[in-house]
N, C-alpha and C. Protein backbone atom coordinates (compact mmCIF):
# COMPACT_ATOMS: atom_id res chain seq x y z
N UNK A 1 0.84 -1.18 0.00
CA UNK A 1 0.00 0.00 0.00
C UNK A 1 0.88 1.24 0.00
N UNK A 2 0.45 2.27 -0.68
CA UNK A 2 1.22 3.51 -0.77
C UNK A 2 1.14 4.33 0.51
N UNK A 3 1.75 5.48 0.44
CA UNK A 3 1.75 6.39 1.59
C UNK A 3 0.36 6.99 1.78
N UNK A 4 0.06 7.44 3.00
CA UNK A 4 -1.23 8.10 3.23
C UNK A 4 -1.37 9.33 2.34
N UNK A 5 -2.56 9.55 1.84
CA UNK A 5 -2.83 10.65 0.93
C UNK A 5 -2.50 11.99 1.57
N UNK A 6 -2.73 12.13 2.86
CA UNK A 6 -2.45 13.39 3.55
C UNK A 6 -0.96 13.74 3.47
N UNK A 7 -0.08 12.74 3.51
CA UNK A 7 1.36 12.99 3.38
C UNK A 7 1.69 13.48 1.97
N UNK A 8 1.07 12.88 0.99
CA UNK A 8 1.32 13.30 -0.39
C UNK A 8 0.81 14.72 -0.62
N UNK A 9 -0.36 15.05 -0.07
CA UNK A 9 -0.89 16.41 -0.21
C UNK A 9 0.02 17.43 0.45
N UNK A 10 0.64 17.06 1.56
CA UNK A 10 1.53 17.98 2.26
C UNK A 10 2.75 18.33 1.40
N UNK A 11 3.11 17.49 0.47
CA UNK A 11 4.27 17.73 -0.41
C UNK A 11 3.88 18.37 -1.74
N UNK A 12 2.62 18.68 -1.92
CA UNK A 12 2.14 19.19 -3.20
C UNK A 12 2.83 20.50 -3.60
N UNK A 13 3.00 21.41 -2.66
CA UNK A 13 3.62 22.70 -2.99
C UNK A 13 5.07 22.52 -3.44
N UNK A 14 5.81 21.67 -2.75
CA UNK A 14 7.20 21.40 -3.13
C UNK A 14 7.26 20.75 -4.51
N UNK A 15 6.37 19.80 -4.75
CA UNK A 15 6.33 19.12 -6.04
C UNK A 15 5.98 20.09 -7.16
N UNK A 16 5.02 20.96 -6.91
CA UNK A 16 4.61 21.96 -7.90
C UNK A 16 5.77 22.90 -8.22
N UNK A 17 6.48 23.36 -7.21
CA UNK A 17 7.62 24.24 -7.41
C UNK A 17 8.70 23.54 -8.25
N UNK A 18 8.97 22.27 -7.89
CA UNK A 18 9.96 21.50 -8.66
C UNK A 18 9.54 21.40 -10.12
N UNK A 19 8.26 21.08 -10.36
CA UNK A 19 7.75 20.91 -11.73
C UNK A 19 7.86 22.21 -12.52
N UNK A 20 7.60 23.33 -11.87
CA UNK A 20 7.69 24.62 -12.56
C UNK A 20 9.13 24.99 -12.90
N UNK A 21 10.08 24.56 -12.09
CA UNK A 21 11.49 24.89 -12.30
C UNK A 21 12.22 23.90 -13.20
N UNK A 22 11.66 22.73 -13.41
CA UNK A 22 12.34 21.69 -14.18
C UNK A 22 12.44 22.08 -15.65
N UNK A 23 13.57 21.79 -16.25
CA UNK A 23 13.76 22.05 -17.68
C UNK A 23 13.04 20.95 -18.47
N UNK A 24 12.26 21.38 -19.44
CA UNK A 24 11.55 20.41 -20.28
C UNK A 24 11.95 20.54 -21.74
N UNK A 25 13.07 21.21 -21.99
CA UNK A 25 13.51 21.44 -23.37
C UNK A 25 13.67 20.13 -24.15
N UNK A 26 14.29 19.15 -23.53
CA UNK A 26 14.50 17.86 -24.20
C UNK A 26 13.16 17.18 -24.49
N UNK A 27 12.25 17.24 -23.54
CA UNK A 27 10.92 16.64 -23.73
C UNK A 27 10.17 17.33 -24.86
N UNK A 28 10.24 18.66 -24.91
CA UNK A 28 9.57 19.41 -25.97
C UNK A 28 10.10 19.00 -27.34
N UNK A 29 11.44 18.87 -27.44
CA UNK A 29 12.05 18.47 -28.72
C UNK A 29 11.57 17.08 -29.13
N UNK A 30 11.49 16.16 -28.19
CA UNK A 30 11.04 14.79 -28.49
C UNK A 30 9.58 14.79 -28.91
N UNK A 31 8.75 15.55 -28.24
CA UNK A 31 7.32 15.59 -28.58
C UNK A 31 7.12 16.21 -29.96
N UNK A 32 7.91 17.24 -30.28
CA UNK A 32 7.81 17.83 -31.63
C UNK A 32 8.18 16.80 -32.69
N UNK A 33 9.18 16.01 -32.42
CA UNK A 33 9.58 14.95 -33.35
C UNK A 33 8.51 13.86 -33.42
N UNK A 34 7.91 13.55 -32.26
CA UNK A 34 6.87 12.55 -32.17
C UNK A 34 5.69 12.88 -33.09
N UNK A 35 5.45 14.17 -33.28
CA UNK A 35 4.28 14.62 -34.05
C UNK A 35 4.45 14.48 -35.56
N UNK A 36 5.61 14.04 -36.02
CA UNK A 36 5.84 13.91 -37.46
C UNK A 36 5.05 12.77 -38.09
N UNK A 37 4.75 11.76 -37.31
CA UNK A 37 4.11 10.55 -37.82
C UNK A 37 2.92 10.18 -36.96
N UNK A 38 2.07 9.29 -37.44
CA UNK A 38 0.97 8.78 -36.61
C UNK A 38 1.51 8.23 -35.30
N UNK A 39 0.70 8.34 -34.26
CA UNK A 39 1.12 7.95 -32.91
C UNK A 39 0.41 6.70 -32.42
N UNK A 40 1.19 5.80 -31.88
CA UNK A 40 0.65 4.68 -31.12
C UNK A 40 1.09 4.90 -29.68
N UNK A 41 0.15 5.22 -28.82
CA UNK A 41 0.43 5.46 -27.40
C UNK A 41 0.14 4.16 -26.66
N UNK A 42 1.15 3.61 -26.01
CA UNK A 42 1.06 2.28 -25.41
C UNK A 42 0.93 2.40 -23.91
N UNK A 43 -0.01 1.63 -23.36
CA UNK A 43 -0.16 1.58 -21.91
C UNK A 43 -0.74 0.25 -21.50
N UNK A 44 -0.44 -0.12 -20.27
CA UNK A 44 -0.93 -1.38 -19.71
C UNK A 44 -1.48 -1.09 -18.33
N UNK A 45 -2.63 -1.62 -18.01
CA UNK A 45 -3.23 -1.36 -16.70
C UNK A 45 -3.58 0.11 -16.55
N UNK A 46 -3.16 0.70 -15.43
CA UNK A 46 -3.46 2.12 -15.17
C UNK A 46 -2.79 3.04 -16.18
N UNK A 47 -1.68 2.63 -16.76
CA UNK A 47 -0.98 3.46 -17.74
C UNK A 47 -1.74 3.56 -19.06
N UNK A 48 -2.70 2.66 -19.28
CA UNK A 48 -3.51 2.75 -20.49
C UNK A 48 -4.34 4.03 -20.48
N UNK A 49 -4.73 4.50 -19.31
CA UNK A 49 -5.45 5.77 -19.21
C UNK A 49 -4.56 6.91 -19.69
N UNK A 50 -3.31 6.90 -19.26
CA UNK A 50 -2.35 7.92 -19.71
C UNK A 50 -2.16 7.85 -21.22
N UNK A 51 -2.04 6.65 -21.75
CA UNK A 51 -1.88 6.47 -23.19
C UNK A 51 -3.10 7.00 -23.95
N UNK A 52 -4.28 6.77 -23.40
CA UNK A 52 -5.51 7.25 -24.03
C UNK A 52 -5.55 8.77 -24.07
N UNK A 53 -5.19 9.41 -22.96
CA UNK A 53 -5.14 10.87 -22.91
C UNK A 53 -4.12 11.39 -23.92
N UNK A 54 -2.95 10.76 -23.98
CA UNK A 54 -1.91 11.19 -24.92
C UNK A 54 -2.40 11.08 -26.36
N UNK A 55 -3.05 9.98 -26.70
CA UNK A 55 -3.57 9.80 -28.06
C UNK A 55 -4.64 10.83 -28.38
N UNK A 56 -5.51 11.11 -27.42
CA UNK A 56 -6.55 12.12 -27.63
C UNK A 56 -5.94 13.50 -27.83
N UNK A 57 -4.96 13.88 -27.00
CA UNK A 57 -4.30 15.17 -27.15
C UNK A 57 -3.57 15.26 -28.48
N UNK A 58 -2.94 14.18 -28.86
CA UNK A 58 -2.24 14.13 -30.15
C UNK A 58 -3.21 14.43 -31.29
N UNK A 59 -4.34 13.75 -31.29
CA UNK A 59 -5.34 13.97 -32.36
C UNK A 59 -5.88 15.40 -32.32
N UNK A 60 -6.16 15.91 -31.12
CA UNK A 60 -6.73 17.26 -30.99
C UNK A 60 -5.78 18.35 -31.46
N UNK A 61 -4.48 18.19 -31.20
CA UNK A 61 -3.54 19.25 -31.50
C UNK A 61 -2.81 19.09 -32.83
N UNK A 62 -2.73 17.88 -33.36
CA UNK A 62 -2.03 17.69 -34.63
C UNK A 62 -2.98 17.35 -35.77
N UNK A 63 -4.20 16.97 -35.43
CA UNK A 63 -5.19 16.51 -36.40
C UNK A 63 -4.69 15.27 -37.15
N UNK A 64 -3.71 14.59 -36.54
CA UNK A 64 -3.16 13.38 -37.13
C UNK A 64 -3.78 12.15 -36.50
N UNK A 65 -3.32 11.00 -36.95
CA UNK A 65 -3.80 9.74 -36.41
C UNK A 65 -3.09 9.42 -35.11
N UNK A 66 -3.85 9.12 -34.08
CA UNK A 66 -3.27 8.74 -32.80
C UNK A 66 -4.17 7.72 -32.13
N UNK A 67 -3.58 6.64 -31.67
CA UNK A 67 -4.35 5.55 -31.07
C UNK A 67 -3.71 5.11 -29.77
N UNK A 68 -4.52 4.78 -28.81
CA UNK A 68 -4.05 4.14 -27.58
C UNK A 68 -4.13 2.64 -27.79
N UNK A 69 -3.05 1.94 -27.47
CA UNK A 69 -3.00 0.49 -27.65
C UNK A 69 -2.33 -0.15 -26.44
N UNK A 70 -2.62 -1.41 -26.26
CA UNK A 70 -1.93 -2.19 -25.24
C UNK A 70 -0.62 -2.73 -25.84
N UNK A 71 0.29 -3.22 -25.01
CA UNK A 71 1.51 -3.82 -25.57
C UNK A 71 1.21 -4.97 -26.54
N UNK A 72 0.19 -5.74 -26.26
CA UNK A 72 -0.17 -6.84 -27.15
C UNK A 72 -0.66 -6.31 -28.50
N UNK A 73 -1.46 -5.25 -28.48
CA UNK A 73 -1.92 -4.66 -29.73
C UNK A 73 -0.75 -4.07 -30.52
N UNK A 74 0.22 -3.50 -29.83
CA UNK A 74 1.40 -2.97 -30.50
C UNK A 74 2.14 -4.11 -31.20
N UNK A 75 2.27 -5.22 -30.51
CA UNK A 75 2.96 -6.38 -31.09
C UNK A 75 2.26 -6.86 -32.36
N UNK A 76 0.94 -6.79 -32.38
CA UNK A 76 0.19 -7.21 -33.56
C UNK A 76 0.42 -6.26 -34.74
N UNK A 77 0.85 -5.04 -34.45
CA UNK A 77 1.09 -4.04 -35.50
C UNK A 77 2.58 -3.88 -35.82
N UNK A 78 3.41 -4.77 -35.33
CA UNK A 78 4.87 -4.63 -35.46
C UNK A 78 5.31 -4.37 -36.90
N UNK A 79 4.67 -5.01 -37.85
CA UNK A 79 5.09 -4.86 -39.24
C UNK A 79 4.68 -3.53 -39.86
N UNK A 80 3.92 -2.72 -39.13
CA UNK A 80 3.46 -1.43 -39.67
C UNK A 80 3.99 -0.25 -38.86
N UNK A 81 5.04 -0.47 -38.08
CA UNK A 81 5.53 0.59 -37.19
C UNK A 81 6.44 1.60 -37.87
N UNK A 82 7.01 1.25 -39.02
CA UNK A 82 7.83 2.23 -39.72
C UNK A 82 6.98 3.44 -40.03
N UNK A 83 7.61 4.60 -39.92
CA UNK A 83 6.91 5.87 -40.14
C UNK A 83 5.78 6.06 -39.14
N UNK A 84 6.00 5.57 -37.93
CA UNK A 84 5.09 5.78 -36.81
C UNK A 84 5.90 6.20 -35.59
N UNK A 85 5.25 6.88 -34.69
CA UNK A 85 5.85 7.23 -33.42
C UNK A 85 5.18 6.38 -32.34
N UNK A 86 5.97 6.00 -31.34
CA UNK A 86 5.45 5.19 -30.25
C UNK A 86 5.75 5.89 -28.93
N UNK A 87 4.71 6.13 -28.18
CA UNK A 87 4.84 6.70 -26.84
C UNK A 87 4.44 5.61 -25.86
N UNK A 88 5.33 5.31 -24.92
CA UNK A 88 5.05 4.26 -23.95
C UNK A 88 4.89 4.89 -22.58
N UNK A 89 3.70 4.75 -22.01
CA UNK A 89 3.40 5.28 -20.68
C UNK A 89 3.65 4.18 -19.65
N UNK A 90 4.44 4.49 -18.65
CA UNK A 90 4.78 3.50 -17.65
C UNK A 90 5.06 4.16 -16.31
N UNK A 91 4.70 3.49 -15.24
CA UNK A 91 4.97 4.02 -13.91
C UNK A 91 6.44 3.88 -13.55
N UNK A 92 7.05 2.78 -13.94
CA UNK A 92 8.44 2.57 -13.54
C UNK A 92 9.32 1.97 -14.61
N UNK A 93 8.74 1.42 -15.65
CA UNK A 93 9.52 0.87 -16.75
C UNK A 93 9.97 -0.56 -16.59
N UNK A 94 9.62 -1.20 -15.47
CA UNK A 94 10.12 -2.56 -15.26
C UNK A 94 9.08 -3.64 -15.57
N UNK A 95 7.87 -3.24 -15.91
CA UNK A 95 6.83 -4.20 -16.25
C UNK A 95 7.25 -4.97 -17.51
N UNK A 96 7.15 -6.30 -17.50
CA UNK A 96 7.54 -7.09 -18.68
C UNK A 96 6.80 -6.68 -19.95
N UNK A 97 5.53 -6.27 -19.83
CA UNK A 97 4.78 -5.81 -21.01
C UNK A 97 5.41 -4.56 -21.60
N UNK A 98 5.86 -3.65 -20.73
CA UNK A 98 6.47 -2.41 -21.19
C UNK A 98 7.80 -2.70 -21.88
N UNK A 99 8.60 -3.55 -21.28
CA UNK A 99 9.88 -3.93 -21.88
C UNK A 99 9.65 -4.58 -23.24
N UNK A 100 8.64 -5.43 -23.31
CA UNK A 100 8.29 -6.06 -24.59
C UNK A 100 7.84 -5.04 -25.62
N UNK A 101 7.09 -4.03 -25.19
CA UNK A 101 6.63 -2.99 -26.11
C UNK A 101 7.80 -2.18 -26.67
N UNK A 102 8.79 -1.91 -25.82
CA UNK A 102 9.98 -1.19 -26.29
C UNK A 102 10.72 -2.02 -27.32
N UNK A 103 10.86 -3.31 -27.04
CA UNK A 103 11.52 -4.20 -28.02
C UNK A 103 10.74 -4.27 -29.33
N UNK A 104 9.42 -4.38 -29.22
CA UNK A 104 8.58 -4.43 -30.42
C UNK A 104 8.76 -3.18 -31.25
N UNK A 105 8.73 -2.01 -30.60
CA UNK A 105 8.88 -0.75 -31.32
C UNK A 105 10.25 -0.66 -31.99
N UNK A 106 11.28 -1.12 -31.31
CA UNK A 106 12.63 -1.09 -31.88
C UNK A 106 12.74 -2.04 -33.07
N UNK A 107 12.24 -3.26 -32.92
CA UNK A 107 12.30 -4.23 -34.02
C UNK A 107 11.46 -3.77 -35.21
N UNK A 108 10.36 -3.07 -34.92
CA UNK A 108 9.50 -2.57 -36.00
C UNK A 108 10.02 -1.29 -36.62
N UNK A 109 11.16 -0.80 -36.11
CA UNK A 109 11.80 0.40 -36.64
C UNK A 109 10.90 1.63 -36.61
N UNK A 110 10.21 1.83 -35.46
CA UNK A 110 9.40 3.04 -35.30
C UNK A 110 10.31 4.25 -35.42
N UNK A 111 9.77 5.36 -35.95
CA UNK A 111 10.56 6.57 -36.14
C UNK A 111 11.09 7.07 -34.80
N UNK A 112 10.25 7.07 -33.79
CA UNK A 112 10.65 7.55 -32.46
C UNK A 112 9.95 6.73 -31.41
N UNK A 113 10.67 6.34 -30.40
CA UNK A 113 10.09 5.66 -29.25
C UNK A 113 10.39 6.52 -28.04
N UNK A 114 9.34 6.96 -27.37
CA UNK A 114 9.48 7.81 -26.20
C UNK A 114 8.75 7.17 -25.03
N UNK A 115 9.45 6.93 -23.96
CA UNK A 115 8.84 6.37 -22.75
C UNK A 115 8.72 7.46 -21.70
N UNK A 116 7.54 7.57 -21.14
CA UNK A 116 7.34 8.54 -20.05
C UNK A 116 6.79 7.81 -18.84
């Protein structure tokens, strides 16, 4: 079980300050590159919600094709990943499905693979 919510709320101001001060230049550059091709946003479990939001934002702001998929769905599309961007949403990056999705994207020669 995680920490009590009251403890997390107590750190909200510090977290907000850190987020406002953090440099996001590298992230901005990657997202701009991500927008060159259709997007497959990958998520598993709770991260699928993040992938869905990312795909929706992608479609709203680029008017391009953007889809939220599970790692298994990404694997089924491996042969069509060229000229596509892949965004992988993950809490920690150690989930076997996430590692498999990264491998799938690499083998499919996706234009850009970005894990957040």
